Amino acid sequence: LVLYVMVLAMGFLTLNTFLRFRSLEKKITDL
């Protein structure tokens, strides 16, 4: 159960990091 929850948490962190980087890339491009 702990492993399954950690897999879900890792997926969330990966998606969150991807979206943050994409937002930063757009800001850098505009700048």
PDB file of all heavy atoms in Angstrom:
ATOM      1  N   LEU A   1       0.832  -1.202   0.000  1.00  0.00           N
ATOM      2  CA  LEU A   1       0.000   0.000   0.000  1.00  0.00           C
ATOM      3  C   LEU A   1       0.869   1.255   0.000  1.00  0.00           C
ATOM      4  O   LEU A   1       0.607   2.203  -0.751  1.00  0.00           O
ATOM      5  CB  LEU A   1      -0.938   0.007   1.216  1.00  0.00           C
ATOM      6  CG  LEU A   1      -1.821   1.243   1.379  1.00  0.00           C
ATOM      7  CD1 LEU A   1      -2.780   1.368   0.209  1.00  0.00           C
ATOM      8  CD2 LEU A   1      -2.575   1.191   2.689  1.00  0.00           C
ATOM      9  N   VAL A   2       1.897   1.256   0.819  1.00  0.00           N
ATOM     10  CA  VAL A   2       2.812   2.405   0.859  1.00  0.00           C
ATOM     11  C   VAL A   2       3.480   2.591  -0.500  1.00  0.00           C
ATOM     12  O   VAL A   2       3.613   3.722  -0.995  1.00  0.00           O
ATOM     13  CB  VAL A   2       3.853   2.227   1.985  1.00  0.00           C
ATOM     14  CG1 VAL A   2       4.947   3.282   1.898  1.00  0.00           C
ATOM     15  CG2 VAL A   2       3.177   2.276   3.343  1.00  0.00           C
ATOM     16  N   LEU A   3       3.883   1.496  -1.135  1.00  0.00           N
ATOM     17  CA  LEU A   3       4.498   1.582  -2.457  1.00  0.00           C
ATOM     18  C   LEU A   3       3.533   2.182  -3.478  1.00  0.00           C
ATOM     19  O   LEU A   3       3.912   3.056  -4.258  1.00  0.00           O
ATOM     20  CB  LEU A   3       4.957   0.196  -2.924  1.00  0.00           C
ATOM     21  CG  LEU A   3       5.542   0.141  -4.338  1.00  0.00           C
ATOM     22  CD1 LEU A   3       6.855   0.892  -4.390  1.00  0.00           C
ATOM     23  CD2 LEU A   3       5.713  -1.287  -4.785  1.00  0.00           C
ATOM     24  N   TYR A   4       2.285   1.742  -3.481  1.00  0.00           N
ATOM     25  CA  TYR A   4       1.301   2.273  -4.430  1.00  0.00           C
ATOM     26  C   TYR A   4       1.063   3.762  -4.213  1.00  0.00           C
ATOM     27  O   TYR A   4       0.969   4.530  -5.172  1.00  0.00           O
ATOM     28  CB  TYR A   4      -0.020   1.516  -4.312  1.00  0.00           C
ATOM     29  CG  TYR A   4       0.088   0.036  -4.608  1.00  0.00           C
ATOM     30  CD1 TYR A   4      -0.801  -0.858  -4.038  1.00  0.00           C
ATOM     31  CD2 TYR A   4       1.070  -0.471  -5.448  1.00  0.00           C
ATOM     32  CE1 TYR A   4      -0.714  -2.216  -4.299  1.00  0.00           C
ATOM     33  CE2 TYR A   4       1.164  -1.826  -5.709  1.00  0.00           C
ATOM     34  CZ  TYR A   4       0.271  -2.694  -5.128  1.00  0.00           C
ATOM     35  OH  TYR A   4       0.350  -4.034  -5.388  1.00  0.00           O
ATOM     36  N   VAL A   5       0.987   4.156  -2.954  1.00  0.00           N
ATOM     37  CA  VAL A   5       0.793   5.579  -2.658  1.00  0.00           C
ATOM     38  C   VAL A   5       2.011   6.383  -3.105  1.00  0.00           C
ATOM     39  O   VAL A   5       1.866   7.488  -3.651  1.00  0.00           O
ATOM     40  CB  VAL A   5       0.497   5.780  -1.153  1.00  0.00           C
ATOM     41  CG1 VAL A   5       0.543   7.247  -0.771  1.00  0.00           C
ATOM     42  CG2 VAL A   5      -0.857   5.188  -0.794  1.00  0.00           C
ATOM     43  N   MET A   6       3.192   5.840  -2.927  1.00  0.00           N
ATOM     44  CA  MET A   6       4.397   6.551  -3.344  1.00  0.00           C
ATOM     45  C   MET A   6       4.495   6.656  -4.869  1.00  0.00           C
ATOM     46  O   MET A   6       4.989   7.660  -5.384  1.00  0.00           O
ATOM     47  CB  MET A   6       5.651   5.872  -2.785  1.00  0.00           C
ATOM     48  CG  MET A   6       5.746   5.930  -1.264  1.00  0.00           C
ATOM     49  SD  MET A   6       5.540   7.574  -0.576  1.00  0.00           S
ATOM     50  CE  MET A   6       7.001   8.376  -1.133  1.00  0.00           C
ATOM     51  N   VAL A   7       4.018   5.658  -5.585  1.00  0.00           N
ATOM     52  CA  VAL A   7       3.993   5.738  -7.046  1.00  0.00           C
ATOM     53  C   VAL A   7       3.063   6.862  -7.495  1.00  0.00           C
ATOM     54  O   VAL A   7       3.392   7.650  -8.394  1.00  0.00           O
ATOM     55  CB  VAL A   7       3.572   4.384  -7.668  1.00  0.00           C
ATOM     56  CG1 VAL A   7       3.228   4.530  -9.134  1.00  0.00           C
ATOM     57  CG2 VAL A   7       4.684   3.359  -7.484  1.00  0.00           C
ATOM     58  N   LEU A   8       1.901   6.953  -6.855  1.00  0.00           N
ATOM     59  CA  LEU A   8       0.984   8.053  -7.176  1.00  0.00           C
ATOM     60  C   LEU A   8       1.596   9.410  -6.831  1.00  0.00           C
ATOM     61  O   LEU A   8       1.474  10.371  -7.607  1.00  0.00           O
ATOM     62  CB  LEU A   8      -0.338   7.877  -6.432  1.00  0.00           C
ATOM     63  CG  LEU A   8      -1.235   6.751  -6.929  1.00  0.00           C
ATOM     64  CD1 LEU A   8      -2.447   6.609  -6.018  1.00  0.00           C
ATOM     65  CD2 LEU A   8      -1.673   7.020  -8.354  1.00  0.00           C
ATOM     66  N   ALA A   9       2.256   9.495  -5.690  1.00  0.00           N
ATOM     67  CA  ALA A   9       2.895  10.755  -5.297  1.00  0.00           C
ATOM     68  C   ALA A   9       4.001  11.130  -6.279  1.00  0.00           C
ATOM     69  O   ALA A   9       4.153  12.299  -6.643  1.00  0.00           O
ATOM     70  CB  ALA A   9       3.453  10.640  -3.883  1.00  0.00           C
ATOM     71  N   MET A  10       4.759  10.150  -6.742  1.00  0.00           N
ATOM     72  CA  MET A  10       5.827  10.426  -7.708  1.00  0.00           C
ATOM     73  C   MET A  10       5.243  10.917  -9.032  1.00  0.00           C
ATOM     74  O   MET A  10       5.792  11.826  -9.665  1.00  0.00           O
ATOM     75  CB  MET A  10       6.670   9.163  -7.927  1.00  0.00           C
ATOM     76  CG  MET A  10       7.890   9.398  -8.731  1.00  0.00           C
ATOM     77  SD  MET A  10       8.984  10.504  -7.854  1.00  0.00           S
ATOM     78  CE  MET A  10      10.246  10.707  -9.047  1.00  0.00           C
ATOM     79  N   GLY A  11       4.135  10.328  -9.450  1.00  0.00           N
ATOM     80  CA  GLY A  11       3.464  10.797 -10.660  1.00  0.00           C
ATOM     81  C   GLY A  11       2.997  12.237 -10.507  1.00  0.00           C
ATOM     82  O   GLY A  11       3.143  13.056 -11.422  1.00  0.00           O
ATOM     83  N   PHE A  12       2.445  12.571  -9.346  1.00  0.00           N
ATOM     84  CA  PHE A  12       2.013  13.939  -9.079  1.00  0.00           C
ATOM     85  C   PHE A  12       3.196  14.894  -9.123  1.00  0.00           C
ATOM     86  O   PHE A  12       3.119  15.963  -9.737  1.00  0.00           O
ATOM     87  CB  PHE A  12       1.316  14.022  -7.717  1.00  0.00           C
ATOM     88  CG  PHE A  12       1.075  15.423  -7.257  1.00  0.00           C
ATOM     89  CD1 PHE A  12       0.045  16.167  -7.796  1.00  0.00           C
ATOM     90  CD2 PHE A  12       1.895  15.997  -6.300  1.00  0.00           C
ATOM     91  CE1 PHE A  12      -0.170  17.472  -7.382  1.00  0.00           C
ATOM     92  CE2 PHE A  12       1.686  17.297  -5.888  1.00  0.00           C
ATOM     93  CZ  PHE A  12       0.653  18.041  -6.424  1.00  0.00           C
ATOM     94  N   LEU A  13       4.289  14.527  -8.482  1.00  0.00           N
ATOM     95  CA  LEU A  13       5.470  15.393  -8.478  1.00  0.00           C
ATOM     96  C   LEU A  13       6.039  15.586  -9.880  1.00  0.00           C
ATOM     97  O   LEU A  13       6.461  16.682 -10.245  1.00  0.00           O
ATOM     98  CB  LEU A  13       6.542  14.815  -7.555  1.00  0.00           C
ATOM     99  CG  LEU A  13       6.237  14.883  -6.066  1.00  0.00           C
ATOM    100  CD1 LEU A  13       7.287  14.128  -5.270  1.00  0.00           C
ATOM    101  CD2 LEU A  13       6.144  16.314  -5.601  1.00  0.00           C
ATOM    102  N   THR A  14       6.049  14.523 -10.665  1.00  0.00           N
ATOM    103  CA  THR A  14       6.559  14.622 -12.033  1.00  0.00           C
ATOM    104  C   THR A  14       5.693  15.561 -12.867  1.00  0.00           C
ATOM    105  O   THR A  14       6.205  16.421 -13.591  1.00  0.00           O
ATOM    106  CB  THR A  14       6.614  13.226 -12.679  1.00  0.00           C
ATOM    107  OG1 THR A  14       7.427  12.379 -11.865  1.00  0.00           O
ATOM    108  CG2 THR A  14       7.180  13.283 -14.084  1.00  0.00           C
ATOM    109  N   LEU A  15       4.382  15.403 -12.771  1.00  0.00           N
ATOM    110  CA  LEU A  15       3.475  16.276 -13.520  1.00  0.00           C
ATOM    111  C   LEU A  15       3.600  17.719 -13.050  1.00  0.00           C
ATOM    112  O   LEU A  15       3.647  18.648 -13.865  1.00  0.00           O
ATOM    113  CB  LEU A  15       2.028  15.788 -13.363  1.00  0.00           C
ATOM    114  CG  LEU A  15       0.970  16.630 -14.069  1.00  0.00           C
ATOM    115  CD1 LEU A  15       1.181  16.581 -15.577  1.00  0.00           C
ATOM    116  CD2 LEU A  15      -0.415  16.141 -13.710  1.00  0.00           C
ATOM    117  N   ASN A  16       3.679  17.926 -11.752  1.00  0.00           N
ATOM    118  CA  ASN A  16       3.808  19.274 -11.208  1.00  0.00           C
ATOM    119  C   ASN A  16       5.100  19.936 -11.680  1.00  0.00           C
ATOM    120  O   ASN A  16       5.104  21.102 -12.071  1.00  0.00           O
ATOM    121  CB  ASN A  16       3.760  19.206  -9.677  1.00  0.00           C
ATOM    122  CG  ASN A  16       3.646  20.565  -9.051  1.00  0.00           C
ATOM    123  OD1 ASN A  16       3.041  21.467  -9.606  1.00  0.00           O
ATOM    124  ND2 ASN A  16       4.236  20.716  -7.887  1.00  0.00           N
ATOM    125  N   THR A  17       6.186  19.192 -11.679  1.00  0.00           N
ATOM    126  CA  THR A  17       7.460  19.726 -12.138  1.00  0.00           C
ATOM    127  C   THR A  17       7.421  20.040 -13.622  1.00  0.00           C
ATOM    128  O   THR A  17       7.908  21.090 -14.063  1.00  0.00           O
ATOM    129  CB  THR A  17       8.597  18.725 -11.840  1.00  0.00           C
ATOM    130  OG1 THR A  17       8.605  18.459 -10.438  1.00  0.00           O
ATOM    131  CG2 THR A  17       9.944  19.266 -12.266  1.00  0.00           C
ATOM    132  N   PHE A  18       6.814  19.170 -14.408  1.00  0.00           N
ATOM    133  CA  PHE A  18       6.695  19.411 -15.851  1.00  0.00           C
ATOM    134  C   PHE A  18       5.902  20.689 -16.120  1.00  0.00           C
ATOM    135  O   PHE A  18       6.309  21.520 -16.932  1.00  0.00           O
ATOM    136  CB  PHE A  18       6.002  18.219 -16.528  1.00  0.00           C
ATOM    137  CG  PHE A  18       5.587  18.499 -17.944  1.00  0.00           C
ATOM    138  CD1 PHE A  18       6.530  18.550 -18.958  1.00  0.00           C
ATOM    139  CD2 PHE A  18       4.258  18.710 -18.258  1.00  0.00           C
ATOM    140  CE1 PHE A  18       6.150  18.816 -20.261  1.00  0.00           C
ATOM    141  CE2 PHE A  18       3.877  18.973 -19.552  1.00  0.00           C
ATOM    142  CZ  PHE A  18       4.823  19.034 -20.558  1.00  0.00           C
ATOM    143  N   LEU A  19       4.768  20.854 -15.435  1.00  0.00           N
ATOM    144  CA  LEU A  19       3.949  22.044 -15.652  1.00  0.00           C
ATOM    145  C   LEU A  19       4.678  23.308 -15.201  1.00  0.00           C
ATOM    146  O   LEU A  19       4.576  24.353 -15.850  1.00  0.00           O
ATOM    147  CB  LEU A  19       2.616  21.902 -14.916  1.00  0.00           C
ATOM    148  CG  LEU A  19       1.693  20.808 -15.448  1.00  0.00           C
ATOM    149  CD1 LEU A  19       0.453  20.675 -14.574  1.00  0.00           C
ATOM    150  CD2 LEU A  19       1.304  21.075 -16.894  1.00  0.00           C
ATOM    151  N   ARG A  20       5.429  23.232 -14.112  1.00  0.00           N
ATOM    152  CA  ARG A  20       6.182  24.400 -13.647  1.00  0.00           C
ATOM    153  C   ARG A  20       7.270  24.765 -14.655  1.00  0.00           C
ATOM    154  O   ARG A  20       7.466  25.941 -14.964  1.00  0.00           O
ATOM    155  CB  ARG A  20       6.797  24.124 -12.290  1.00  0.00           C
ATOM    156  CG  ARG A  20       7.475  25.367 -11.718  1.00  0.00           C
ATOM    157  CD  ARG A  20       8.066  25.135 -10.354  1.00  0.00           C
ATOM    158  NE  ARG A  20       7.078  24.625  -9.438  1.00  0.00           N
ATOM    159  CZ  ARG A  20       7.358  23.799  -8.435  1.00  0.00           C
ATOM    160  NH1 ARG A  20       8.600  23.415  -8.229  1.00  0.00           N
ATOM    161  NH2 ARG A  20       6.421  23.376  -7.634  1.00  0.00           N
ATOM    162  N   PHE A  21       8.002  23.781 -15.173  1.00  0.00           N
ATOM    163  CA  PHE A  21       9.042  24.062 -16.164  1.00  0.00           C
ATOM    164  C   PHE A  21       8.447  24.652 -17.433  1.00  0.00           C
ATOM    165  O   PHE A  21       9.019  25.564 -18.025  1.00  0.00           O
ATOM    166  CB  PHE A  21       9.844  22.804 -16.493  1.00  0.00           C
ATOM    167  CG  PHE A  21      10.883  22.463 -15.483  1.00  0.00           C
ATOM    168  CD1 PHE A  21      11.366  21.179 -15.377  1.00  0.00           C
ATOM    169  CD2 PHE A  21      11.393  23.409 -14.609  1.00  0.00           C
ATOM    170  CE1 PHE A  21      12.326  20.847 -14.439  1.00  0.00           C
ATOM    171  CE2 PHE A  21      12.355  23.098 -13.669  1.00  0.00           C
ATOM    172  CZ  PHE A  21      12.819  21.806 -13.591  1.00  0.00           C
ATOM    173  N   ARG A  22       7.311  24.122 -17.865  1.00  0.00           N
ATOM    174  CA  ARG A  22       6.674  24.654 -19.066  1.00  0.00           C
ATOM    175  C   ARG A  22       6.269  26.111 -18.858  1.00  0.00           C
ATOM    176  O   ARG A  22       6.450  26.947 -19.744  1.00  0.00           O
ATOM    177  CB  ARG A  22       5.462  23.801 -19.441  1.00  0.00           C
ATOM    178  CG  ARG A  22       4.919  24.137 -20.821  1.00  0.00           C
ATOM    179  CD  ARG A  22       3.922  23.147 -21.294  1.00  0.00           C
ATOM    180  NE  ARG A  22       2.701  23.288 -20.510  1.00  0.00           N
ATOM    181  CZ  ARG A  22       1.595  22.626 -20.741  1.00  0.00           C
ATOM    182  NH1 ARG A  22       1.559  21.726 -21.700  1.00  0.00           N
ATOM    183  NH2 ARG A  22       0.524  22.807 -20.009  1.00  0.00           N
ATOM    184  N   SER A  23       5.754  26.434 -17.683  1.00  0.00           N
ATOM    185  CA  SER A  23       5.385  27.809 -17.374  1.00  0.00           C
ATOM    186  C   SER A  23       6.620  28.711 -17.349  1.00  0.00           C
ATOM    187  O   SER A  23       6.596  29.830 -17.889  1.00  0.00           O
ATOM    188  CB  SER A  23       4.669  27.856 -16.025  1.00  0.00           C
ATOM    189  OG  SER A  23       4.455  29.174 -15.621  1.00  0.00           O
ATOM    190  N   LEU A  24       7.698  28.232 -16.760  1.00  0.00           N
ATOM    191  CA  LEU A  24       8.929  29.023 -16.721  1.00  0.00           C
ATOM    192  C   LEU A  24       9.513  29.219 -18.113  1.00  0.00           C
ATOM    193  O   LEU A  24      10.024  30.302 -18.428  1.00  0.00           O
ATOM    194  CB  LEU A  24       9.957  28.356 -15.814  1.00  0.00           C
ATOM    195  CG  LEU A  24       9.664  28.438 -14.319  1.00  0.00           C
ATOM    196  CD1 LEU A  24      10.686  27.611 -13.534  1.00  0.00           C
ATOM    197  CD2 LEU A  24       9.653  29.864 -13.842  1.00  0.00           C
ATOM    198  N   GLU A  25       9.447  28.199 -18.960  1.00  0.00           N
ATOM    199  CA  GLU A  25       9.944  28.340 -20.329  1.00  0.00           C
ATOM    200  C   GLU A  25       9.166  29.397 -21.090  1.00  0.00           C
ATOM    201  O   GLU A  25       9.738  30.186 -21.841  1.00  0.00           O
ATOM    202  CB  GLU A  25       9.866  27.004 -21.065  1.00  0.00           C
ATOM    203  CG  GLU A  25      10.934  26.023 -20.649  1.00  0.00           C
ATOM    204  CD  GLU A  25      10.765  24.669 -21.310  1.00  0.00           C
ATOM    205  OE1 GLU A  25       9.732  24.438 -21.990  1.00  0.00           O
ATOM    206  OE2 GLU A  25      11.656  23.825 -21.147  1.00  0.00           O
ATOM    207  N   LYS A  26       7.855  29.441 -20.886  1.00  0.00           N
ATOM    208  CA  LYS A  26       7.033  30.460 -21.547  1.00  0.00           C
ATOM    209  C   LYS A  26       7.402  31.848 -21.048  1.00  0.00           C
ATOM    210  O   LYS A  26       7.528  32.786 -21.840  1.00  0.00           O
ATOM    211  CB  LYS A  26       5.552  30.192 -21.310  1.00  0.00           C
ATOM    212  CG  LYS A  26       4.654  31.160 -22.056  1.00  0.00           C
ATOM    213  CD  LYS A  26       3.207  30.925 -21.751  1.00  0.00           C
ATOM    214  CE  LYS A  26       2.282  31.870 -22.461  1.00  0.00           C
ATOM    215  NZ  LYS A  26       2.742  33.220 -22.659  1.00  0.00           N
ATOM    216  N   LYS A  27       7.618  31.990 -19.744  1.00  0.00           N
ATOM    217  CA  LYS A  27       8.002  33.292 -19.197  1.00  0.00           C
ATOM    218  C   LYS A  27       9.361  33.726 -19.726  1.00  0.00           C
ATOM    219  O   LYS A  27       9.561  34.898 -20.061  1.00  0.00           O
ATOM    220  CB  LYS A  27       8.031  33.238 -17.671  1.00  0.00           C
ATOM    221  CG  LYS A  27       6.659  33.168 -17.050  1.00  0.00           C
ATOM    222  CD  LYS A  27       6.746  33.050 -15.540  1.00  0.00           C
ATOM    223  CE  LYS A  27       5.362  32.899 -14.933  1.00  0.00           C
ATOM    224  NZ  LYS A  27       5.422  32.723 -13.469  1.00  0.00           N
ATOM    225  N   ILE A  28      10.297  32.795 -19.811  1.00  0.00           N
ATOM    226  CA  ILE A  28      11.626  33.129 -20.324  1.00  0.00           C
ATOM    227  C   ILE A  28      11.546  33.516 -21.797  1.00  0.00           C
ATOM    228  O   ILE A  28      12.211  34.462 -22.238  1.00  0.00           O
ATOM    229  CB  ILE A  28      12.605  31.954 -20.104  1.00  0.00           C
ATOM    230  CG1 ILE A  28      12.914  31.822 -18.617  1.00  0.00           C
ATOM    231  CG2 ILE A  28      13.881  32.133 -20.905  1.00  0.00           C
ATOM    232  CD1 ILE A  28      13.689  30.577 -18.255  1.00  0.00           C
ATOM    233  N   THR A  29      10.727  32.821 -22.568  1.00  0.00           N
ATOM    234  CA  THR A  29      10.558  33.157 -23.982  1.00  0.00           C
ATOM    235  C   THR A  29       9.981  34.558 -24.137  1.00  0.00           C
ATOM    236  O   THR A  29      10.464  35.360 -24.950  1.00  0.00           O
ATOM    237  CB  THR A  29       9.648  32.130 -24.672  1.00  0.00           C
ATOM    238  OG1 THR A  29      10.242  30.835 -24.541  1.00  0.00           O
ATOM    239  CG2 THR A  29       9.457  32.454 -26.130  1.00  0.00           C
ATOM    240  N   ASP A  30       8.954  34.880 -23.354  1.00  0.00           N
ATOM    241  CA  ASP A  30       8.364  36.216 -23.418  1.00  0.00           C
ATOM    242  C   ASP A  30       9.377  37.280 -23.016  1.00  0.00           C
ATOM    243  O   ASP A  30       9.464  38.351 -23.629  1.00  0.00           O
ATOM    244  CB  ASP A  30       7.131  36.302 -22.517  1.00  0.00           C
ATOM    245  CG  ASP A  30       5.978  35.451 -23.023  1.00  0.00           C
ATOM    246  OD1 ASP A  30       5.999  35.057 -24.207  1.00  0.00           O
ATOM    247  OD2 ASP A  30       5.050  35.181 -22.222  1.00  0.00           O
ATOM    248  N   LEU A  31      10.163  37.000 -21.984  1.00  0.00           N
ATOM    249  CA  LEU A  31      11.187  37.944 -21.544  1.00  0.00           C
ATOM    250  C   LEU A  31      12.250  38.138 -22.623  1.00  0.00           C
ATOM    251  O   LEU A  31      12.671  39.270 -22.885  1.00  0.00           O
ATOM    252  CB  LEU A  31      11.830  37.444 -20.250  1.00  0.00           C
ATOM    253  CG  LEU A  31      12.924  38.323 -19.655  1.00  0.00           C
ATOM    254  CD1 LEU A  31      12.374  39.671 -19.267  1.00  0.00           C
ATOM    255  CD2 LEU A  31      13.539  37.630 -18.456  1.00  0.00           C
TER     256      LEU A  31
END
